[in-house]
């Protein structure tokens, strides 16, 4: 029988290593507090929920009455979308409607295919609140 030798490590050193991994900021090289970690995680999650605002003729007409259109992640639900809008644009949505858009059949020469299915959200805001989109 072989006996495996294990190195005894105190629990304090394990906790210190774990803290260093959590609090190490890659951009500044220093430590970041818990609020910065939470806000970074929120930004990553929100950027996965809202893909992009839809800026079309119909969307522009709807924005005049306080409704805005967004392309959202296929697995996003109304609660996720509402939280993302609140966090990103600092407005309170009254209502969120979701529409599943089916992909269209396409042909490229002899090859046939289909575009992706996607999800569209119509966000209704309180009267007087607006969302400003900037071009990038």
C-alpha atoms as a PDB file:
ATOM      1  CA  UNK A   1       0.000   0.000   0.000  1.00  0.00           C
ATOM      2  CA  UNK A   2       1.174   3.445  -0.863  1.00  0.00           C
ATOM      3  CA  UNK A   3       0.542   6.273   1.550  1.00  0.00           C
ATOM      4  CA  UNK A   4      -0.085   9.634  -0.041  1.00  0.00           C
ATOM      5  CA  UNK A   5       1.695  12.463   1.711  1.00  0.00           C
ATOM      6  CA  UNK A   6      -0.325  15.640   1.924  1.00  0.00           C
ATOM      7  CA  UNK A   7       0.948  19.060   2.683  1.00  0.00           C
ATOM      8  CA  UNK A   8      -0.807  20.657   5.636  1.00  0.00           C
ATOM      9  CA  UNK A   9      -2.064  24.132   4.785  1.00  0.00           C
ATOM     10  CA  UNK A  10      -3.667  26.311   7.391  1.00  0.00           C
ATOM     11  CA  UNK A  11      -7.180  27.567   6.745  1.00  0.00           C
ATOM     12  CA  UNK A  12      -5.955  31.164   7.084  1.00  0.00           C
ATOM     13  CA  UNK A  13      -3.665  30.883   4.075  1.00  0.00           C
ATOM     14  CA  UNK A  14      -6.498  29.392   1.989  1.00  0.00           C
ATOM     15  CA  UNK A  15      -8.740  32.336   2.856  1.00  0.00           C
ATOM     16  CA  UNK A  16      -6.005  34.842   1.975  1.00  0.00           C
ATOM     17  CA  UNK A  17      -5.495  33.214  -1.435  1.00  0.00           C
ATOM     18  CA  UNK A  18      -9.248  33.250  -2.080  1.00  0.00           C
ATOM     19  CA  UNK A  19      -9.457  36.934  -1.105  1.00  0.00           C
ATOM     20  CA  UNK A  20      -6.599  37.802  -3.458  1.00  0.00           C
ATOM     21  CA  UNK A  21      -8.347  36.079  -6.354  1.00  0.00           C
ATOM     22  CA  UNK A  22     -11.639  37.874  -5.679  1.00  0.00           C
ATOM     23  CA  UNK A  23     -10.293  41.338  -4.984  1.00  0.00           C
ATOM     24  CA  UNK A  24      -7.577  41.605  -7.641  1.00  0.00           C
ATOM     25  CA  UNK A  25      -8.517  44.273 -10.193  1.00  0.00           C
ATOM     26  CA  UNK A  26      -7.043  43.485 -13.600  1.00  0.00           C
ATOM     27  CA  UNK A  27      -7.228  47.047 -14.938  1.00  0.00           C
ATOM     28  CA  UNK A  28      -5.597  48.954 -12.094  1.00  0.00           C
ATOM     29  CA  UNK A  29      -3.626  46.154 -10.475  1.00  0.00           C
ATOM     30  CA  UNK A  30      -4.995  47.159  -7.073  1.00  0.00           C
ATOM     31  CA  UNK A  31      -7.756  45.795  -4.931  1.00  0.00           C
ATOM     32  CA  UNK A  32     -11.437  46.523  -5.537  1.00  0.00           C
ATOM     33  CA  UNK A  33     -14.176  46.535  -2.945  1.00  0.00           C
ATOM     34  CA  UNK A  34     -17.304  44.371  -2.951  1.00  0.00           C
ATOM     35  CA  UNK A  35     -19.466  47.101  -4.550  1.00  0.00           C
ATOM     36  CA  UNK A  36     -17.167  47.309  -7.561  1.00  0.00           C
ATOM     37  CA  UNK A  37     -17.281  43.529  -7.951  1.00  0.00           C
ATOM     38  CA  UNK A  38     -21.100  43.502  -7.790  1.00  0.00           C
ATOM     39  CA  UNK A  39     -21.448  46.361 -10.296  1.00  0.00           C
ATOM     40  CA  UNK A  40     -19.018  44.655 -12.698  1.00  0.00           C
ATOM     41  CA  UNK A  41     -20.995  41.414 -12.505  1.00  0.00           C
ATOM     42  CA  UNK A  42     -24.273  43.310 -13.020  1.00  0.00           C
ATOM     43  CA  UNK A  43     -22.869  45.025 -16.121  1.00  0.00           C
ATOM     44  CA  UNK A  44     -21.804  41.682 -17.578  1.00  0.00           C
ATOM     45  CA  UNK A  45     -25.237  40.150 -16.939  1.00  0.00           C
ATOM     46  CA  UNK A  46     -27.120  43.157 -18.298  1.00  0.00           C
ATOM     47  CA  UNK A  47     -25.012  43.308 -21.429  1.00  0.00           C
ATOM     48  CA  UNK A  48     -26.115  39.728 -22.109  1.00  0.00           C
ATOM     49  CA  UNK A  49     -29.834  40.562 -21.652  1.00  0.00           C
ATOM     50  CA  UNK A  50     -30.107  43.663 -23.856  1.00  0.00           C
ATOM     51  CA  UNK A  51     -28.406  43.125 -27.187  1.00  0.00           C
ATOM     52  CA  UNK A  52     -29.204  46.415 -28.905  1.00  0.00           C
ATOM     53  CA  UNK A  53     -31.969  49.018 -29.280  1.00  0.00           C
ATOM     54  CA  UNK A  54     -33.987  48.723 -32.478  1.00  0.00           C
ATOM     55  CA  UNK A  55     -33.983  51.996 -34.367  1.00  0.00           C
ATOM     56  CA  UNK A  56     -36.492  51.708 -37.187  1.00  0.00           C
ATOM     57  CA  UNK A  57     -39.273  53.904 -38.530  1.00  0.00           C
ATOM     58  CA  UNK A  58     -41.860  52.043 -36.473  1.00  0.00           C
ATOM     59  CA  UNK A  59     -39.691  52.241 -33.328  1.00  0.00           C
ATOM     60  CA  UNK A  60     -39.252  55.994 -33.809  1.00  0.00           C
ATOM     61  CA  UNK A  61     -43.022  56.471 -34.050  1.00  0.00           C
ATOM     62  CA  UNK A  62     -43.563  54.375 -30.909  1.00  0.00           C
ATOM     63  CA  UNK A  63     -40.945  56.361 -28.962  1.00  0.00           C
ATOM     64  CA  UNK A  64     -43.175  59.424 -29.308  1.00  0.00           C
ATOM     65  CA  UNK A  65     -45.747  57.694 -27.082  1.00  0.00           C
ATOM     66  CA  UNK A  66     -43.184  56.324 -24.608  1.00  0.00           C
ATOM     67  CA  UNK A  67     -42.560  52.851 -26.049  1.00  0.00           C
ATOM     68  CA  UNK A  68     -39.055  51.664 -26.956  1.00  0.00           C
ATOM     69  CA  UNK A  69     -37.955  48.538 -28.851  1.00  0.00           C
ATOM     70  CA  UNK A  70     -34.947  46.380 -27.994  1.00  0.00           C
ATOM     71  CA  UNK A  71     -33.460  43.191 -29.338  1.00  0.00           C
ATOM     72  CA  UNK A  72     -32.981  40.920 -26.320  1.00  0.00           C
ATOM     73  CA  UNK A  73     -31.381  37.567 -25.551  1.00  0.00           C
ATOM     74  CA  UNK A  74     -33.491  34.541 -26.535  1.00  0.00           C
ATOM     75  CA  UNK A  75     -33.606  33.300 -22.915  1.00  0.00           C
ATOM     76  CA  UNK A  76     -34.388  36.701 -21.342  1.00  0.00           C
ATOM     77  CA  UNK A  77     -37.678  37.130 -19.503  1.00  0.00           C
ATOM     78  CA  UNK A  78     -39.714  40.227 -18.662  1.00  0.00           C
ATOM     79  CA  UNK A  79     -38.226  40.622 -15.179  1.00  0.00           C
ATOM     80  CA  UNK A  80     -34.640  40.485 -16.506  1.00  0.00           C
ATOM     81  CA  UNK A  81     -35.423  43.056 -19.186  1.00  0.00           C
ATOM     82  CA  UNK A  82     -37.092  45.373 -16.676  1.00  0.00           C
ATOM     83  CA  UNK A  83     -34.068  45.212 -14.332  1.00  0.00           C
ATOM     84  CA  UNK A  84     -31.656  45.822 -17.203  1.00  0.00           C
ATOM     85  CA  UNK A  85     -33.569  48.906 -18.409  1.00  0.00           C
ATOM     86  CA  UNK A  86     -33.691  50.287 -14.849  1.00  0.00           C
ATOM     87  CA  UNK A  87     -29.969  49.756 -14.325  1.00  0.00           C
ATOM     88  CA  UNK A  88     -28.726  51.017 -17.708  1.00  0.00           C
ATOM     89  CA  UNK A  89     -31.049  53.919 -18.500  1.00  0.00           C
ATOM     90  CA  UNK A  90     -32.168  54.935 -14.953  1.00  0.00           C
ATOM     91  CA  UNK A  91     -35.885  54.888 -15.885  1.00  0.00           C
ATOM     92  CA  UNK A  92     -38.798  52.855 -14.504  1.00  0.00           C
ATOM     93  CA  UNK A  93     -40.573  50.698 -17.092  1.00  0.00           C
ATOM     94  CA  UNK A  94     -44.297  50.255 -16.521  1.00  0.00           C
ATOM     95  CA  UNK A  95     -44.739  47.327 -18.852  1.00  0.00           C
ATOM     96  CA  UNK A  96     -42.618  44.969 -20.958  1.00  0.00           C
ATOM     97  CA  UNK A  97     -44.013  43.011 -23.902  1.00  0.00           C
ATOM     98  CA  UNK A  98     -41.978  40.293 -25.596  1.00  0.00           C
ATOM     99  CA  UNK A  99     -42.297  39.085 -29.182  1.00  0.00           C
ATOM    100  CA  UNK A 100     -40.538  36.033 -30.612  1.00  0.00           C
ATOM    101  CA  UNK A 101     -39.500  36.716 -34.203  1.00  0.00           C
ATOM    102  CA  UNK A 102     -39.080  33.651 -36.386  1.00  0.00           C
ATOM    103  CA  UNK A 103     -36.110  33.482 -38.730  1.00  0.00           C
ATOM    104  CA  UNK A 104     -36.748  33.823 -42.452  1.00  0.00           C
ATOM    105  CA  UNK A 105     -35.894  31.300 -45.141  1.00  0.00           C
ATOM    106  CA  UNK A 106     -33.062  32.543 -47.337  1.00  0.00           C
ATOM    107  CA  UNK A 107     -31.129  31.384 -50.388  1.00  0.00           C
ATOM    108  CA  UNK A 108     -27.578  32.158 -51.372  1.00  0.00           C
ATOM    109  CA  UNK A 109     -27.256  30.757 -54.876  1.00  0.00           C
ATOM    110  CA  UNK A 110     -28.116  27.073 -54.658  1.00  0.00           C
ATOM    111  CA  UNK A 111     -27.639  26.919 -50.885  1.00  0.00           C
ATOM    112  CA  UNK A 112     -30.753  27.238 -48.766  1.00  0.00           C
ATOM    113  CA  UNK A 113     -30.823  28.253 -45.165  1.00  0.00           C
ATOM    114  CA  UNK A 114     -32.626  30.169 -42.475  1.00  0.00           C
ATOM    115  CA  UNK A 115     -31.801  33.278 -40.450  1.00  0.00           C
ATOM    116  CA  UNK A 116     -31.751  33.006 -36.652  1.00  0.00           C
ATOM    117  CA  UNK A 117     -34.838  33.282 -34.486  1.00  0.00           C
ATOM    118  CA  UNK A 118     -34.643  36.272 -32.149  1.00  0.00           C
ATOM    119  CA  UNK A 119     -36.587  38.095 -29.468  1.00  0.00           C
ATOM    120  CA  UNK A 120     -37.884  41.649 -29.443  1.00  0.00           C
ATOM    121  CA  UNK A 121     -39.045  43.583 -26.365  1.00  0.00           C
ATOM    122  CA  UNK A 122     -41.356  46.596 -26.293  1.00  0.00           C
ATOM    123  CA  UNK A 123     -40.709  48.613 -23.131  1.00  0.00           C
ATOM    124  CA  UNK A 124     -43.356  51.115 -21.992  1.00  0.00           C
ATOM    125  CA  UNK A 125     -42.164  53.975 -19.769  1.00  0.00           C
ATOM    126  CA  UNK A 126     -43.990  56.388 -17.471  1.00  0.00           C
ATOM    127  CA  UNK A 127     -45.252  59.595 -19.043  1.00  0.00           C
ATOM    128  CA  UNK A 128     -42.464  62.171 -19.195  1.00  0.00           C
ATOM    129  CA  UNK A 129     -39.558  59.685 -19.067  1.00  0.00           C
ATOM    130  CA  UNK A 130     -37.326  59.215 -22.107  1.00  0.00           C
ATOM    131  CA  UNK A 131     -34.436  57.069 -23.233  1.00  0.00           C
ATOM    132  CA  UNK A 132     -31.772  58.816 -25.313  1.00  0.00           C
ATOM    133  CA  UNK A 133     -29.823  56.644 -27.744  1.00  0.00           C
ATOM    134  CA  UNK A 134     -26.415  57.818 -28.885  1.00  0.00           C
ATOM    135  CA  UNK A 135     -24.676  56.739 -32.067  1.00  0.00           C
ATOM    136  CA  UNK A 136     -21.407  54.886 -31.662  1.00  0.00           C
END
